[in-house]
Amino acid sequence: MTTATIKPTGLTEIAERHAADVDLPEPPPDDEPWATQSLTKGTAGIALLHIERALAGRGTWRHAHRWITAAVAGHVSATDTSGLYLGAPAITFMLDNAASGTNDRYQAALADVDRHVVALAHRRVEAAMTRIQAGRLPGFREYDVFFGLSGIGALLLRRSPGSTTMERVLGYLVALAKPRRINDDVLPGWWVGHDPHRRDSPPFKHGHSNFGMAHGITGPLALLSQAIRRGVCVDGQYEAIATICEWLDSWRQDSDAGPWWPEWITLAELRVGYPNQPGPARPSWCYGTPGIARAGQLAGIAVGDAKRQLMYEQALTRCLDDPVQQGHITDGSVCHGWAGLYQTVWRSAQDAQTAGLAEHLPGLAARLGHRASQKPTTIRGFLEGTAGTALALHTAVRNSAPISGWDACLLID
């Protein structure tokens, strides 16, 4: 099967096979009892697929409910290590997806977990602001999409956009965007004190600045911009967006394949003013041009900067035109594979000023389908497995926004 031969009916068949591969919940591994409440690879993340299928009439609510109840079967964590992809926020996101379009489905359960998420958000903001005032460097888990306040903020933007809690999260991101002087260096406020894998290693003994949507500054940028688009704004929010965009402008690299940004920079690279990375990386949601470009596009839309919006749309189009970058994609996952690329481009195309991105969607859908039609991964979960691939295939088949809004956890919606 070649990419040119996959038609919508073929994509539907592939999507159905993927859904069948994650038909029934399985007990979590003995050493990972928390996996049921994980969006990354656990039950809650796979439930997103069956919820979307039930909403679209391709599955039943009885089946989706089986997954939902399996996800909440154990103790749901609301400790300070919880985030959008694990614990009470993940369960809240799952239930909010299931409640889409109704006033009664899962509302009692949502009311219960909402209060835990609100309390968690306040604690996390207070800890983060204390850290800023003390002049210490943050870690990914303070602000990123998976476990940090950008992910929790994305959930609050769905559940309680006008709340004081939402305002406090945005206020924290405004504070995060302000530069810090450490010894003789002026660092961006989101400069972390560890390496890209959250470890200490010699090349990153002074930490780094991350550009990716998953762990870097484009996650906060996307949330700040999404909030403005939804009418939620706090003092300093426009200035924070400008600061982040100026940082991205200063580290934009131009090549024959179009603009690109490094995945991260070290202190040594900051001091010399250019990255060691020789060229554009894998074109993924988590790192690379697609996620960064979607965040930049959202920023341009939020502040009414049509020139900036168009620049990021053209950067994404040039990335999609480059077969070398496409060749770096080796799987069908949401995080760093064809599913995440397709979903990011689909969302970007809906807001784009020109038709260039939309024209790429059929080819991307075919590549996604071709990859998914090969031997399925043994990973069942949402972020890197079968469930996430099936969700993106579902978007490709319907060519419409997810009914449940599942991709809000990627901050691209």
Protein backbone atom coordinates (compact mmCIF):
# COMPACT_ATOMS: atom_id res chain seq x y z
CA MET A 1 0.00 0.00 0.00
CA THR A 2 1.47 3.37 -1.00
CA THR A 3 0.59 6.74 0.47
CA ALA A 4 -1.21 7.69 -2.74
CA THR A 5 -3.69 4.81 -2.60
CA ILE A 6 -5.26 5.33 0.84
CA LYS A 7 -8.78 6.73 0.50
CA PRO A 8 -11.13 7.83 3.31
CA THR A 9 -12.67 4.37 3.44
CA GLY A 10 -9.21 2.91 3.85
CA LEU A 11 -8.40 5.34 6.66
CA THR A 12 -11.64 4.35 8.35
CA GLU A 13 -10.71 0.67 8.23
CA ILE A 14 -7.26 1.39 9.67
CA ALA A 15 -8.77 3.52 12.44
CA GLU A 16 -11.22 0.76 13.31
CA ARG A 17 -8.43 -1.80 13.52
CA HIS A 18 -6.52 0.46 15.89
CA ALA A 19 -9.59 0.92 18.06
CA ALA A 20 -10.05 -2.84 18.17
CA ASP A 21 -6.45 -3.22 19.36
CA VAL A 22 -7.37 -1.29 22.53
CA ASP A 23 -10.85 -2.70 22.92
CA LEU A 24 -10.80 -3.69 26.60
CA PRO A 25 -9.04 -2.20 29.62
CA GLU A 26 -6.18 -4.13 31.14
CA PRO A 27 -4.98 -4.07 34.75
CA PRO A 28 -2.06 -1.72 35.31
CA PRO A 29 1.39 -3.25 35.75
CA ASP A 30 2.15 -4.23 39.32
CA ASP A 31 4.97 -1.70 39.46
CA GLU A 32 2.85 1.09 37.92
CA PRO A 33 -0.48 1.15 39.77
CA TRP A 34 -0.85 4.82 38.86
CA ALA A 35 -1.05 3.98 35.13
CA THR A 36 -4.86 3.88 35.16
CA GLN A 37 -4.96 7.64 35.76
CA SER A 38 -2.34 8.49 33.12
CA LEU A 39 -3.05 10.23 29.81
CA THR A 40 0.43 9.37 28.61
CA LYS A 41 0.16 5.59 28.39
CA GLY A 42 -2.60 4.54 30.75
CA THR A 43 -6.31 3.89 30.91
CA ALA A 44 -7.40 7.53 31.06
CA GLY A 45 -5.56 8.31 27.83
CA ILE A 46 -7.00 5.33 25.97
CA ALA A 47 -10.46 6.28 27.27
CA LEU A 48 -10.18 9.49 25.20
CA LEU A 49 -10.40 7.36 22.06
CA HIS A 50 -13.51 5.49 23.15
CA ILE A 51 -15.15 8.72 24.32
CA GLU A 52 -14.55 10.37 20.95
CA ARG A 53 -15.88 7.29 19.16
CA ALA A 54 -19.02 7.28 21.31
CA LEU A 55 -19.64 10.97 20.64
CA ALA A 56 -19.22 10.39 16.91
CA GLY A 57 -21.52 7.35 16.87
CA ARG A 58 -18.76 4.90 16.01
CA GLY A 59 -18.74 3.33 19.47
CA THR A 60 -21.15 2.98 22.38
CA TRP A 61 -21.33 4.86 25.66
CA ARG A 62 -21.48 1.56 27.46
CA HIS A 63 -18.06 0.72 26.05
CA ALA A 64 -16.63 4.18 26.77
CA HIS A 65 -17.99 4.03 30.32
CA ARG A 66 -16.14 0.77 30.87
CA TRP A 67 -12.89 2.57 30.19
CA ILE A 68 -13.86 5.58 32.28
CA THR A 69 -14.72 3.45 35.31
CA ALA A 70 -11.48 1.49 34.89
CA ALA A 71 -9.53 4.77 34.94
CA VAL A 72 -11.07 5.85 38.26
CA ALA A 73 -11.12 2.43 39.90
CA GLY A 74 -8.23 3.18 42.23
CA HIS A 75 -7.21 6.10 44.39
CA VAL A 76 -6.95 9.24 42.22
CA SER A 77 -3.93 11.29 43.15
CA ALA A 78 -4.22 15.02 43.76
CA THR A 79 -0.73 15.43 45.20
CA ASP A 80 1.61 18.15 44.02
CA THR A 81 3.20 15.76 41.52
CA SER A 82 -0.11 15.56 39.63
CA GLY A 83 -0.56 17.33 36.32
CA LEU A 84 -2.64 17.31 33.17
CA TYR A 85 -1.23 13.92 32.16
CA LEU A 86 -1.42 12.21 35.54
CA GLY A 87 -3.73 12.13 38.54
CA ALA A 88 -6.77 14.27 39.27
CA PRO A 89 -6.19 16.71 36.36
CA ALA A 90 -5.93 13.80 33.90
CA ILE A 91 -9.15 12.27 35.24
CA THR A 92 -10.87 15.67 35.08
CA PHE A 93 -9.80 16.11 31.47
CA MET A 94 -11.08 12.65 30.58
CA LEU A 95 -14.45 13.31 32.25
CA ASP A 96 -14.71 16.75 30.66
CA ASN A 97 -14.22 15.12 27.26
CA ALA A 98 -17.00 12.67 28.08
CA ALA A 99 -19.31 15.46 29.22
CA SER A 100 -19.00 17.35 25.92
CA GLY A 101 -22.33 18.55 24.59
CA THR A 102 -24.39 17.66 27.68
CA ASN A 103 -25.39 19.21 30.97
CA ASP A 104 -25.69 16.05 32.99
CA ARG A 105 -23.20 13.37 31.87
CA TYR A 106 -20.52 12.85 34.58
CA GLN A 107 -21.27 16.21 36.17
CA ALA A 108 -21.31 14.87 39.74
CA ALA A 109 -17.92 13.24 39.28
CA LEU A 110 -16.55 16.40 37.66
CA ALA A 111 -17.69 18.54 40.57
CA ASP A 112 -15.77 16.28 42.92
CA VAL A 113 -12.48 16.31 41.02
CA ASP A 114 -12.73 19.99 40.04
CA ARG A 115 -12.21 21.10 43.62
CA HIS A 116 -9.07 18.99 43.90
CA VAL A 117 -7.69 20.47 40.68
CA VAL A 118 -8.41 24.01 41.87
CA ALA A 119 -6.66 23.37 45.19
CA LEU A 120 -3.73 21.78 43.35
CA ALA A 121 -3.42 24.74 40.98
CA HIS A 122 -3.31 27.23 43.85
CA ARG A 123 -0.63 25.23 45.65
CA ARG A 124 1.44 24.91 42.51
CA VAL A 125 1.20 28.63 41.73
CA GLU A 126 2.19 29.55 45.27
CA ALA A 127 5.21 27.24 45.15
CA ALA A 128 6.25 28.58 41.75
CA MET A 129 5.97 32.23 42.79
CA THR A 130 7.97 31.49 45.94
CA ARG A 131 10.66 29.91 43.75
CA ILE A 132 10.72 32.98 41.47
CA GLN A 133 11.02 35.35 44.42
CA ALA A 134 13.91 33.28 45.78
CA GLY A 135 15.74 33.56 42.45
CA ARG A 136 16.02 29.81 41.88
CA LEU A 137 15.78 28.12 38.50
CA PRO A 138 12.60 26.16 37.65
CA GLY A 139 12.28 22.62 36.36
CA PHE A 140 10.05 21.34 33.57
CA ARG A 141 7.50 20.10 36.08
CA GLU A 142 6.78 23.63 37.21
CA TYR A 143 5.50 24.96 33.90
CA ASP A 144 5.33 22.33 31.13
CA VAL A 145 2.31 20.79 29.39
CA PHE A 146 2.57 17.28 30.83
CA PHE A 147 2.90 17.96 34.55
CA GLY A 148 3.29 21.71 34.95
CA LEU A 149 1.08 24.77 35.14
CA SER A 150 0.69 25.14 31.37
CA GLY A 151 -1.11 21.79 31.26
CA ILE A 152 -3.15 22.54 34.38
CA GLY A 153 -3.98 25.93 32.87
CA ALA A 154 -5.20 24.29 29.66
CA LEU A 155 -7.61 22.24 31.75
CA LEU A 156 -8.80 25.29 33.70
CA LEU A 157 -9.36 27.13 30.42
CA ARG A 158 -11.93 24.44 29.58
CA ARG A 159 -13.44 24.03 33.03
CA SER A 160 -13.36 27.51 34.61
CA PRO A 161 -11.87 30.12 32.27
CA GLY A 162 -13.14 33.12 34.24
CA SER A 163 -12.00 31.88 37.64
CA THR A 164 -9.48 33.36 40.02
CA THR A 165 -7.55 30.12 39.67
CA MET A 166 -7.17 30.63 35.92
CA GLU A 167 -6.05 34.21 36.52
CA ARG A 168 -3.40 33.05 38.99
CA VAL A 169 -1.98 30.54 36.52
CA LEU A 170 -1.78 33.20 33.82
CA GLY A 171 -0.21 35.61 36.30
CA TYR A 172 2.44 33.01 37.05
CA LEU A 173 3.21 32.57 33.33
CA VAL A 174 3.57 36.34 33.03
CA ALA A 175 6.12 36.22 35.87
CA LEU A 176 7.86 33.23 34.26
CA ALA A 177 8.44 35.21 31.06
CA LYS A 178 10.48 37.89 32.81
CA PRO A 179 14.26 37.51 32.40
CA ARG A 180 16.52 36.67 35.32
CA ARG A 181 20.13 37.64 35.97
CA ILE A 182 22.19 34.71 37.20
CA ASN A 183 25.76 35.78 37.95
CA ASP A 184 26.83 37.64 34.79
CA ASP A 185 24.22 36.14 32.46
CA VAL A 186 20.73 37.36 31.65
CA LEU A 187 18.60 34.24 31.24
CA PRO A 188 14.98 33.85 30.21
CA GLY A 189 12.72 33.16 33.17
CA TRP A 190 11.95 29.65 31.92
CA TRP A 191 15.63 28.58 31.89
CA VAL A 192 15.70 25.24 33.73
CA GLY A 193 18.49 23.89 35.91
CA HIS A 194 18.64 20.39 34.41
CA ASP A 195 19.13 18.70 31.04
CA PRO A 196 16.33 17.91 28.53
CA HIS A 197 15.72 14.58 30.28
CA ARG A 198 15.30 16.21 33.70
CA ARG A 199 18.68 14.89 34.82
CA ASP A 200 22.01 16.41 35.75
CA SER A 201 24.64 15.88 33.04
CA PRO A 202 27.96 17.58 32.25
CA PRO A 203 26.90 19.22 28.95
CA PHE A 204 24.00 20.86 30.79
CA LYS A 205 25.70 21.71 34.07
CA HIS A 206 24.27 25.23 33.77
CA GLY A 207 20.86 24.03 32.61
CA HIS A 208 19.22 24.99 29.33
CA SER A 209 16.38 26.79 27.59
CA ASN A 210 13.90 24.50 25.84
CA PHE A 211 11.91 25.52 22.75
CA GLY A 212 9.55 22.53 22.40
CA MET A 213 5.80 22.49 22.91
CA ALA A 214 5.93 19.59 25.35
CA HIS A 215 8.54 20.90 27.80
CA GLY A 216 9.65 24.25 26.46
CA ILE A 217 8.47 27.84 26.34
CA THR A 218 6.10 27.35 23.41
CA GLY A 219 3.72 25.47 25.74
CA PRO A 220 3.23 28.57 27.95
CA LEU A 221 3.08 30.73 24.81
CA ALA A 222 0.25 28.59 23.44
CA LEU A 223 -1.71 28.82 26.69
CA LEU A 224 -1.24 32.58 27.04
CA SER A 225 -2.45 32.99 23.46
CA GLN A 226 -5.35 30.54 23.75
CA ALA A 227 -6.58 32.39 26.83
CA ILE A 228 -6.68 35.73 25.01
CA ARG A 229 -8.56 34.13 22.11
CA ARG A 230 -11.15 32.99 24.66
CA GLY A 231 -11.41 36.40 26.29
CA VAL A 232 -9.27 35.66 29.36
CA CYS A 233 -6.47 38.12 30.06
CA VAL A 234 -4.47 39.39 33.05
CA ASP A 235 -2.07 42.30 33.46
CA GLY A 236 1.16 41.73 31.59
CA GLN A 237 -0.15 38.93 29.38
CA TYR A 238 0.43 40.75 26.08
CA GLU A 239 3.90 41.76 27.24
CA ALA A 240 4.71 38.14 28.16
CA ILE A 241 3.66 36.97 24.70
CA ALA A 242 5.84 39.68 23.15
CA THR A 243 8.83 38.63 25.27
CA ILE A 244 8.51 34.98 24.26
CA CYS A 245 8.00 35.85 20.60
CA GLU A 246 11.08 38.09 20.64
CA TRP A 247 13.07 35.16 22.08
CA LEU A 248 11.83 32.90 19.29
CA ASP A 249 12.69 35.59 16.74
CA SER A 250 16.23 35.87 18.09
CA TRP A 251 16.83 32.12 17.80
CA ARG A 252 15.10 31.54 14.48
CA GLN A 253 17.46 29.93 11.98
CA ASP A 254 16.98 30.28 8.23
CA SER A 255 17.90 27.57 5.76
CA ASP A 256 17.05 26.38 2.26
CA ALA A 257 14.31 24.27 3.91
CA GLY A 258 12.81 27.32 5.58
CA PRO A 259 12.91 28.71 9.12
CA TRP A 260 13.61 26.40 12.04
CA TRP A 261 14.34 26.63 15.75
CA PRO A 262 16.72 24.62 17.96
CA GLU A 263 15.24 22.07 20.33
CA TRP A 264 17.17 23.71 23.17
CA ILE A 265 20.23 25.83 23.87
CA THR A 266 22.87 25.62 26.61
CA LEU A 267 24.55 28.50 28.40
CA ALA A 268 27.54 28.23 26.08
CA GLU A 269 25.27 28.58 23.06
CA LEU A 270 23.46 31.51 24.65
CA ARG A 271 26.76 33.30 25.18
CA VAL A 272 27.91 32.89 21.55
CA GLY A 273 24.44 33.61 20.15
CA TYR A 274 23.91 30.58 17.90
CA PRO A 275 22.94 26.92 18.40
CA ASN A 276 25.11 23.88 17.89
CA GLN A 277 22.20 22.04 16.29
CA PRO A 278 23.12 21.88 12.59
CA GLY A 279 19.63 21.95 11.11
CA PRO A 280 15.93 21.35 11.68
CA ALA A 281 15.04 18.37 13.85
CA ARG A 282 12.21 15.87 13.51
CA PRO A 283 9.01 17.77 12.56
CA SER A 284 6.93 16.76 15.56
CA TRP A 285 4.40 18.20 17.96
CA CYS A 286 6.66 17.83 21.00
CA TYR A 287 9.81 19.32 19.44
CA GLY A 288 10.53 20.80 16.06
CA THR A 289 8.88 23.30 13.79
CA PRO A 290 5.23 22.07 13.84
CA GLY A 291 4.59 22.56 17.57
CA ILE A 292 6.60 25.79 17.68
CA ALA A 293 4.85 27.11 14.58
CA ARG A 294 1.39 26.38 15.97
CA ALA A 295 2.24 28.26 19.18
CA GLY A 296 3.61 31.18 17.16
CA GLN A 297 0.55 31.20 14.90
CA LEU A 298 -1.71 31.29 17.96
CA ALA A 299 0.31 34.18 19.36
CA GLY A 300 -0.05 36.13 16.14
CA ILE A 301 -3.80 35.56 16.12
CA ALA A 302 -4.15 36.47 19.81
CA VAL A 303 -2.39 39.83 19.56
CA GLY A 304 -3.69 40.69 16.09
CA ASP A 305 -0.27 40.45 14.41
CA ALA A 306 -1.15 39.12 10.96
CA LYS A 307 2.47 39.35 9.78
CA ARG A 308 3.69 37.13 12.60
CA GLN A 309 0.86 34.70 12.09
CA LEU A 310 1.70 34.38 8.40
CA MET A 311 5.41 33.93 9.12
CA TYR A 312 4.73 30.91 11.32
CA GLU A 313 2.24 29.45 8.86
CA GLN A 314 4.82 29.77 6.08
CA ALA A 315 7.47 28.19 8.32
CA LEU A 316 5.21 25.21 8.87
CA THR A 317 4.41 24.97 5.15
CA ARG A 318 8.11 25.02 4.25
CA CYS A 319 8.72 22.28 6.83
CA LEU A 320 6.02 20.14 5.22
CA ASP A 321 7.59 20.73 1.80
CA ASP A 322 10.92 19.30 2.97
CA PRO A 323 11.28 15.53 2.39
CA VAL A 324 14.42 15.44 4.53
CA GLN A 325 12.51 16.59 7.61
CA GLN A 326 9.66 14.21 6.82
CA GLY A 327 12.16 11.39 6.67
CA HIS A 328 12.99 11.89 10.34
CA ILE A 329 9.53 10.69 11.39
CA THR A 330 9.67 7.00 12.18
CA ASP A 331 6.37 6.21 13.92
CA GLY A 332 2.68 7.02 13.97
CA SER A 333 2.47 8.48 17.47
CA VAL A 334 0.95 11.70 18.74
CA CYS A 335 4.04 12.87 20.59
CA HIS A 336 6.65 12.72 17.85
CA GLY A 337 5.09 10.85 14.94
CA TRP A 338 2.64 11.23 12.07
CA ALA A 339 -0.45 11.46 14.29
CA GLY A 340 0.80 14.49 16.19
CA LEU A 341 2.02 16.12 12.98
CA TYR A 342 -1.31 15.57 11.27
CA GLN A 343 -3.37 16.88 14.19
CA THR A 344 -1.15 19.94 14.60
CA VAL A 345 -1.29 20.80 10.91
CA TRP A 346 -5.06 20.18 10.81
CA ARG A 347 -5.61 22.67 13.65
CA SER A 348 -3.18 25.16 12.10
CA ALA A 349 -4.92 24.91 8.73
CA GLN A 350 -8.28 25.87 10.22
CA ASP A 351 -6.86 29.23 11.35
CA ALA A 352 -4.49 29.84 8.44
CA GLN A 353 -4.62 32.95 6.25
CA THR A 354 -3.86 30.95 3.11
CA ALA A 355 -4.72 27.49 1.77
CA GLY A 356 -1.15 26.15 1.79
CA LEU A 357 -1.46 24.14 5.00
CA ALA A 358 -4.86 22.68 4.07
CA GLU A 359 -3.41 21.50 0.77
CA HIS A 360 -0.95 19.33 2.70
CA LEU A 361 -3.61 17.53 4.73
CA PRO A 362 -4.54 14.77 2.23
CA GLY A 363 -0.90 13.78 1.82
CA LEU A 364 -0.30 13.82 5.56
CA ALA A 365 -3.41 11.71 6.12
CA ALA A 366 -2.12 9.20 3.58
CA ARG A 367 1.27 9.04 5.28
CA LEU A 368 -0.40 8.61 8.66
CA GLY A 369 -2.60 5.85 7.26
CA HIS A 370 0.31 4.15 5.54
CA ARG A 371 2.37 4.11 8.73
CA ALA A 372 -0.59 2.96 10.80
CA SER A 373 -1.40 0.17 8.35
CA GLN A 374 1.94 -1.43 9.04
CA LYS A 375 2.51 -3.65 12.07
CA PRO A 376 0.91 -1.80 15.00
CA THR A 377 3.04 -0.72 17.90
CA THR A 378 2.79 -2.75 21.07
CA ILE A 379 2.27 0.49 22.99
CA ARG A 380 -1.46 0.93 23.62
CA GLY A 381 -1.55 4.42 25.11
CA PHE A 382 -2.45 7.89 23.94
CA LEU A 383 0.81 9.80 23.69
CA GLU A 384 3.05 7.26 21.95
CA GLY A 385 0.71 4.41 21.11
CA THR A 386 -2.26 3.00 19.29
CA ALA A 387 -4.98 5.11 20.92
CA GLY A 388 -3.43 8.43 19.92
CA THR A 389 -2.84 7.26 16.35
CA ALA A 390 -6.49 6.17 16.11
CA LEU A 391 -7.67 9.58 17.35
CA ALA A 392 -5.71 11.42 14.66
CA LEU A 393 -7.01 8.97 12.05
CA HIS A 394 -10.50 9.79 13.30
CA THR A 395 -9.86 13.48 12.61
CA ALA A 396 -8.58 12.63 9.14
CA VAL A 397 -11.64 10.51 8.35
CA ARG A 398 -14.16 13.11 9.55
CA ASN A 399 -12.12 16.18 8.51
CA SER A 400 -13.62 18.06 11.43
CA ALA A 401 -12.59 19.08 14.91
CA PRO A 402 -12.74 16.42 17.61
CA ILE A 403 -16.18 16.45 19.23
CA SER A 404 -14.69 15.83 22.65
CA GLY A 405 -11.85 18.31 22.20
CA TRP A 406 -9.26 15.68 23.11
CA ASP A 407 -6.41 17.62 21.46
CA ALA A 408 -6.78 20.43 24.00
CA CYS A 409 -4.25 18.44 26.07
CA LEU A 410 -1.74 19.24 23.31
CA LEU A 411 -2.57 22.99 23.51
CA ILE A 412 -3.17 23.12 19.74
CA ASP A 413 -6.98 23.37 19.71
